[in-house]
Each structure stands twice: as structure tokens, then as C-alpha cells.
Amino acid sequence: MKCPTCHAVCADSDPRCYSCGTPMRAMRAAAASDGGPASRVPKVLSMLGMCIGMIAGPAVLGSSKSPPKQGVDFKQATHAGIGSAVCGTFGLVMGNLLCGARRPD
């Protein structure tokens, strides 16, 4: 884990950062707030979009006439990238709308 103040590497068992003296409680609270559902939704939908792009991309955008004998099929990689970008952007919007931080009333 890294200290948010001085970016020094600290162990989880340290009571405070030995470089700047920041208590580990503050670091643990900052680390716990980073991994909520709003940050997971875009990642999951982006991976799902990559898989859908690999499968549905050739049917929608056309397939390559002859796949390469060696190396990467760049048209297939482009299909995966387009699917990932579209679904990842959709997931970012939906994650912020559904799971984003709420303002206290």
C-alpha cells in the first residue's frame, strides 16, 4: 500500500507511514473507498463488450477475406476494441448514475 501523502511504500501492519507520519487509518479509509460498485461496472461491461465485439463484429462490420497465417488478425482486434469502448463508456455512465456518490441532504 502507498501513502497518499508522500507515496512511500508501507506495509499493511504499519501503524503509520515511517516517512511522513500519516496514520494508517487514513490510508485504509482511502483504499476502501476506491473499490466500490461504481468502479466495477465499467470494467465488467468493457470486458463483456470486448467478447461481444469479437463474436458479433464480423457479422456487423464484415469479416476479413483471409485470416492471417501467423500473428494477429487486426480486424478482429479492432472489433474487440470497438465493442470494449462502446460498452465501457456505457458502463461508466451507468455506474456513475446508479452507484455514484450521493450528496448528503
N, C-alpha and C. Protein backbone atom coordinates (compact mmCIF):
# COMPACT_ATOMS: atom_id res chain seq x y z
N MET A 1 0.86 -1.16 0.00
CA MET A 1 0.00 0.00 0.00
C MET A 1 0.90 1.23 0.00
N LYS A 2 0.48 2.28 -0.71
CA LYS A 2 1.26 3.51 -0.78
C LYS A 2 0.61 4.59 0.06
N CYS A 3 1.44 5.40 0.67
CA CYS A 3 0.96 6.52 1.46
C CYS A 3 0.38 7.58 0.52
N PRO A 4 -0.84 8.08 0.77
CA PRO A 4 -1.41 9.10 -0.11
C PRO A 4 -0.71 10.45 -0.02
N THR A 5 0.03 10.68 1.06
CA THR A 5 0.69 11.97 1.25
C THR A 5 2.05 12.02 0.56
N CYS A 6 2.92 11.03 0.85
CA CYS A 6 4.28 11.08 0.31
C CYS A 6 4.58 9.98 -0.70
N HIS A 7 3.62 9.09 -0.96
CA HIS A 7 3.74 7.98 -1.92
C HIS A 7 4.84 6.97 -1.56
N ALA A 8 5.15 6.87 -0.29
CA ALA A 8 6.11 5.86 0.16
C ALA A 8 5.38 4.52 0.31
N VAL A 9 6.10 3.43 0.11
CA VAL A 9 5.52 2.10 0.24
C VAL A 9 5.47 1.73 1.72
N CYS A 10 4.27 1.34 2.18
CA CYS A 10 4.07 0.97 3.59
C CYS A 10 3.44 -0.42 3.65
N ALA A 11 3.72 -1.14 4.71
CA ALA A 11 3.10 -2.45 4.93
C ALA A 11 1.73 -2.26 5.56
N ASP A 12 0.86 -3.23 5.39
CA ASP A 12 -0.47 -3.14 5.98
C ASP A 12 -0.43 -3.17 7.50
N SER A 13 0.61 -3.76 8.07
CA SER A 13 0.70 -3.87 9.52
C SER A 13 1.34 -2.65 10.18
N ASP A 14 1.83 -1.68 9.40
CA ASP A 14 2.45 -0.49 9.98
C ASP A 14 1.40 0.39 10.64
N PRO A 15 1.69 0.93 11.83
CA PRO A 15 0.71 1.82 12.48
C PRO A 15 0.64 3.19 11.80
N ARG A 16 1.74 3.62 11.17
CA ARG A 16 1.78 4.91 10.48
C ARG A 16 2.86 4.85 9.41
N CYS A 17 2.85 5.82 8.50
CA CYS A 17 3.88 5.90 7.47
C CYS A 17 5.18 6.36 8.13
N TYR A 18 6.26 5.64 7.89
CA TYR A 18 7.52 5.98 8.55
C TYR A 18 8.24 7.13 7.86
N SER A 19 7.79 7.54 6.68
CA SER A 19 8.40 8.68 6.00
C SER A 19 7.79 10.01 6.45
N CYS A 20 6.45 10.08 6.47
CA CYS A 20 5.81 11.36 6.80
C CYS A 20 4.98 11.32 8.08
N GLY A 21 4.67 10.12 8.61
CA GLY A 21 3.94 10.01 9.86
C GLY A 21 2.42 9.98 9.72
N THR A 22 1.90 9.85 8.50
CA THR A 22 0.46 9.77 8.31
C THR A 22 -0.07 8.48 8.93
N PRO A 23 -1.14 8.55 9.74
CA PRO A 23 -1.68 7.32 10.34
C PRO A 23 -2.22 6.37 9.26
N MET A 24 -2.08 5.08 9.50
CA MET A 24 -2.54 4.08 8.54
C MET A 24 -4.06 4.06 8.44
N ARG A 25 -4.77 4.53 9.48
CA ARG A 25 -6.22 4.57 9.41
C ARG A 25 -6.70 5.40 8.23
N ALA A 26 -6.05 6.53 7.97
CA ALA A 26 -6.41 7.38 6.84
C ALA A 26 -6.14 6.68 5.52
N MET A 27 -5.03 5.92 5.47
CA MET A 27 -4.70 5.20 4.23
C MET A 27 -5.68 4.07 3.98
N ARG A 28 -6.08 3.36 5.03
CA ARG A 28 -7.03 2.26 4.86
C ARG A 28 -8.40 2.78 4.43
N ALA A 29 -8.81 3.93 4.98
CA ALA A 29 -10.10 4.51 4.59
C ALA A 29 -10.08 4.96 3.13
N ALA A 30 -8.96 5.52 2.68
CA ALA A 30 -8.83 5.94 1.29
C ALA A 30 -8.82 4.74 0.36
N ALA A 31 -8.17 3.66 0.75
CA ALA A 31 -8.13 2.46 -0.09
C ALA A 31 -9.49 1.76 -0.14
N ALA A 32 -10.24 1.81 0.94
CA ALA A 32 -11.55 1.15 0.96
C ALA A 32 -12.57 1.90 0.12
N SER A 33 -12.42 3.22 -0.02
CA SER A 33 -13.39 3.99 -0.78
C SER A 33 -13.16 3.91 -2.28
N ASP A 34 -12.03 3.36 -2.75
CA ASP A 34 -11.72 3.32 -4.17
C ASP A 34 -12.40 2.17 -4.91
N GLY A 35 -12.78 1.09 -4.26
CA GLY A 35 -13.24 -0.09 -4.97
C GLY A 35 -14.73 -0.35 -4.90
N GLY A 36 -15.54 0.67 -5.01
CA GLY A 36 -16.98 0.49 -4.93
C GLY A 36 -17.56 -0.04 -6.24
N PRO A 37 -18.88 -0.27 -6.23
CA PRO A 37 -19.53 -0.79 -7.43
C PRO A 37 -19.44 0.15 -8.61
N ALA A 38 -19.36 1.46 -8.37
CA ALA A 38 -19.28 2.41 -9.48
C ALA A 38 -17.99 2.23 -10.27
N SER A 39 -16.95 1.70 -9.65
CA SER A 39 -15.70 1.48 -10.38
C SER A 39 -15.66 0.10 -11.02
N ARG A 40 -16.51 -0.83 -10.57
CA ARG A 40 -16.51 -2.18 -11.15
C ARG A 40 -17.40 -2.30 -12.38
N VAL A 41 -18.49 -1.55 -12.43
CA VAL A 41 -19.45 -1.67 -13.53
C VAL A 41 -18.80 -1.39 -14.88
N PRO A 42 -18.03 -0.30 -15.05
CA PRO A 42 -17.41 -0.07 -16.36
C PRO A 42 -16.42 -1.16 -16.76
N LYS A 43 -15.69 -1.70 -15.80
CA LYS A 43 -14.71 -2.74 -16.12
C LYS A 43 -15.40 -4.01 -16.61
N VAL A 44 -16.47 -4.38 -15.91
CA VAL A 44 -17.19 -5.61 -16.29
C VAL A 44 -17.85 -5.44 -17.65
N LEU A 45 -18.51 -4.31 -17.87
CA LEU A 45 -19.16 -4.08 -19.15
C LEU A 45 -18.15 -3.93 -20.29
N SER A 46 -16.99 -3.39 -20.00
CA SER A 46 -15.95 -3.29 -21.03
C SER A 46 -15.45 -4.67 -21.44
N MET A 47 -15.25 -5.55 -20.48
CA MET A 47 -14.82 -6.92 -20.81
C MET A 47 -15.92 -7.66 -21.57
N LEU A 48 -17.17 -7.46 -21.16
CA LEU A 48 -18.28 -8.08 -21.86
C LEU A 48 -18.39 -7.54 -23.30
N GLY A 49 -18.18 -6.24 -23.46
CA GLY A 49 -18.21 -5.65 -24.79
C GLY A 49 -17.09 -6.16 -25.68
N MET A 50 -15.94 -6.44 -25.09
CA MET A 50 -14.84 -7.00 -25.88
C MET A 50 -15.21 -8.38 -26.40
N CYS A 51 -15.83 -9.19 -25.56
CA CYS A 51 -16.26 -10.52 -26.01
C CYS A 51 -17.35 -10.43 -27.07
N ILE A 52 -18.31 -9.53 -26.87
CA ILE A 52 -19.38 -9.35 -27.85
C ILE A 52 -18.80 -8.83 -29.16
N GLY A 53 -17.84 -7.92 -29.08
CA GLY A 53 -17.21 -7.39 -30.28
C GLY A 53 -16.48 -8.45 -31.07
N MET A 54 -15.85 -9.38 -30.39
CA MET A 54 -15.15 -10.47 -31.09
C MET A 54 -16.14 -11.39 -31.80
N ILE A 55 -17.30 -11.60 -31.20
CA ILE A 55 -18.28 -12.52 -31.78
C ILE A 55 -19.15 -11.82 -32.83
N ALA A 56 -19.71 -10.66 -32.48
CA ALA A 56 -20.67 -10.01 -33.37
C ALA A 56 -20.03 -9.04 -34.35
N GLY A 57 -18.78 -8.65 -34.12
CA GLY A 57 -18.12 -7.69 -35.00
C GLY A 57 -18.03 -8.13 -36.45
N PRO A 58 -17.61 -9.34 -36.75
CA PRO A 58 -17.54 -9.76 -38.15
C PRO A 58 -18.90 -9.79 -38.83
N ALA A 59 -19.96 -10.09 -38.11
CA ALA A 59 -21.30 -10.12 -38.71
C ALA A 59 -21.80 -8.71 -39.03
N VAL A 60 -21.46 -7.76 -38.17
CA VAL A 60 -21.96 -6.40 -38.34
C VAL A 60 -21.05 -5.59 -39.27
N LEU A 61 -19.75 -5.63 -39.03
CA LEU A 61 -18.81 -4.80 -39.78
C LEU A 61 -18.14 -5.53 -40.93
N GLY A 62 -18.38 -6.79 -41.09
CA GLY A 62 -17.74 -7.56 -42.16
C GLY A 62 -16.49 -8.25 -41.65
N SER A 63 -16.21 -9.42 -42.19
CA SER A 63 -15.05 -10.18 -41.73
C SER A 63 -13.92 -10.04 -42.75
N SER A 64 -12.72 -10.37 -42.31
CA SER A 64 -11.57 -10.30 -43.20
C SER A 64 -11.65 -11.43 -44.23
N LYS A 65 -11.18 -11.15 -45.42
CA LYS A 65 -11.27 -12.13 -46.50
C LYS A 65 -10.44 -13.37 -46.20
N SER A 66 -9.25 -13.19 -45.73
CA SER A 66 -8.42 -14.34 -45.37
C SER A 66 -7.72 -14.03 -44.06
N PRO A 67 -7.95 -14.83 -43.05
CA PRO A 67 -7.27 -14.58 -41.76
C PRO A 67 -5.77 -14.78 -41.92
N PRO A 68 -4.98 -14.08 -41.13
CA PRO A 68 -3.52 -14.23 -41.26
C PRO A 68 -3.07 -15.62 -40.85
N LYS A 69 -2.02 -16.09 -41.49
CA LYS A 69 -1.48 -17.41 -41.16
C LYS A 69 -0.71 -17.35 -39.84
N GLN A 70 -0.08 -16.23 -39.57
CA GLN A 70 0.66 -16.04 -38.32
C GLN A 70 0.34 -14.66 -37.78
N GLY A 71 0.44 -14.51 -36.51
CA GLY A 71 0.28 -13.20 -35.90
C GLY A 71 -1.15 -12.85 -35.56
N VAL A 72 -1.38 -11.55 -35.50
CA VAL A 72 -2.64 -11.01 -35.01
C VAL A 72 -3.55 -10.66 -36.19
N ASP A 73 -4.83 -10.99 -36.08
CA ASP A 73 -5.83 -10.54 -37.04
C ASP A 73 -6.29 -9.16 -36.57
N PHE A 74 -5.79 -8.12 -37.21
CA PHE A 74 -6.04 -6.76 -36.73
C PHE A 74 -7.50 -6.34 -36.90
N LYS A 75 -8.21 -6.91 -37.85
CA LYS A 75 -9.62 -6.59 -37.98
C LYS A 75 -10.41 -7.16 -36.79
N GLN A 76 -10.06 -8.34 -36.36
CA GLN A 76 -10.71 -8.95 -35.19
C GLN A 76 -10.36 -8.15 -33.93
N ALA A 77 -9.11 -7.68 -33.84
CA ALA A 77 -8.71 -6.87 -32.69
C ALA A 77 -9.45 -5.53 -32.68
N THR A 78 -9.70 -4.97 -33.87
CA THR A 78 -10.46 -3.73 -33.97
C THR A 78 -11.91 -3.95 -33.52
N HIS A 79 -12.49 -5.07 -33.90
CA HIS A 79 -13.85 -5.38 -33.45
C HIS A 79 -13.91 -5.45 -31.92
N ALA A 80 -12.92 -6.09 -31.33
CA ALA A 80 -12.89 -6.20 -29.86
C ALA A 80 -12.72 -4.82 -29.22
N GLY A 81 -11.89 -3.98 -29.81
CA GLY A 81 -11.68 -2.63 -29.26
C GLY A 81 -12.92 -1.76 -29.35
N ILE A 82 -13.63 -1.86 -30.48
CA ILE A 82 -14.86 -1.07 -30.64
C ILE A 82 -15.91 -1.53 -29.63
N GLY A 83 -16.09 -2.83 -29.49
CA GLY A 83 -17.06 -3.34 -28.51
C GLY A 83 -16.70 -2.95 -27.10
N SER A 84 -15.42 -2.99 -26.78
CA SER A 84 -14.97 -2.63 -25.44
C SER A 84 -15.17 -1.14 -25.18
N ALA A 85 -14.88 -0.31 -26.17
CA ALA A 85 -15.03 1.14 -25.98
C ALA A 85 -16.50 1.53 -25.81
N VAL A 86 -17.37 0.94 -26.63
CA VAL A 86 -18.79 1.29 -26.55
C VAL A 86 -19.38 0.83 -25.23
N CYS A 87 -19.16 -0.43 -24.87
CA CYS A 87 -19.75 -0.96 -23.63
C CYS A 87 -19.08 -0.37 -22.39
N GLY A 88 -17.79 -0.07 -22.46
CA GLY A 88 -17.11 0.55 -21.32
C GLY A 88 -17.62 1.95 -21.05
N THR A 89 -17.86 2.73 -22.12
CA THR A 89 -18.41 4.07 -21.95
C THR A 89 -19.83 4.01 -21.38
N PHE A 90 -20.63 3.08 -21.91
CA PHE A 90 -21.97 2.88 -21.37
C PHE A 90 -21.92 2.49 -19.90
N GLY A 91 -20.98 1.61 -19.54
CA GLY A 91 -20.83 1.19 -18.15
C GLY A 91 -20.38 2.31 -17.24
N LEU A 92 -19.54 3.21 -17.75
CA LEU A 92 -19.10 4.35 -16.96
C LEU A 92 -20.27 5.27 -16.63
N VAL A 93 -21.10 5.53 -17.62
CA VAL A 93 -22.26 6.38 -17.40
C VAL A 93 -23.24 5.71 -16.43
N MET A 94 -23.53 4.43 -16.68
CA MET A 94 -24.48 3.72 -15.82
C MET A 94 -23.95 3.55 -14.40
N GLY A 95 -22.65 3.28 -14.27
CA GLY A 95 -22.07 3.13 -12.94
C GLY A 95 -22.15 4.41 -12.13
N ASN A 96 -21.91 5.55 -12.79
CA ASN A 96 -22.00 6.82 -12.07
C ASN A 96 -23.44 7.21 -11.76
N LEU A 97 -24.36 6.87 -12.66
CA LEU A 97 -25.76 7.20 -12.40
C LEU A 97 -26.36 6.32 -11.30
N LEU A 98 -26.08 5.02 -11.35
CA LEU A 98 -26.70 4.09 -10.42
C LEU A 98 -25.96 3.95 -9.10
N CYS A 99 -24.63 3.94 -9.14
CA CYS A 99 -23.85 3.65 -7.94
C CYS A 99 -22.95 4.79 -7.51
N GLY A 100 -23.05 5.94 -8.15
CA GLY A 100 -22.15 7.04 -7.85
C GLY A 100 -22.36 7.59 -6.45
N ALA A 101 -21.46 8.45 -6.06
CA ALA A 101 -21.53 9.04 -4.73
C ALA A 101 -22.75 9.96 -4.64
N ARG A 102 -23.49 9.82 -3.60
CA ARG A 102 -24.68 10.63 -3.38
C ARG A 102 -24.32 11.82 -2.47
N ARG A 103 -24.92 12.94 -2.77
CA ARG A 103 -24.70 14.08 -1.92
C ARG A 103 -25.60 14.00 -0.69
N PRO A 104 -25.09 14.29 0.48
CA PRO A 104 -25.95 14.25 1.67
C PRO A 104 -26.96 15.40 1.64
N ASP A 105 -28.17 15.12 2.02
CA ASP A 105 -29.23 16.15 2.04
C ASP A 105 -29.30 16.84 3.37
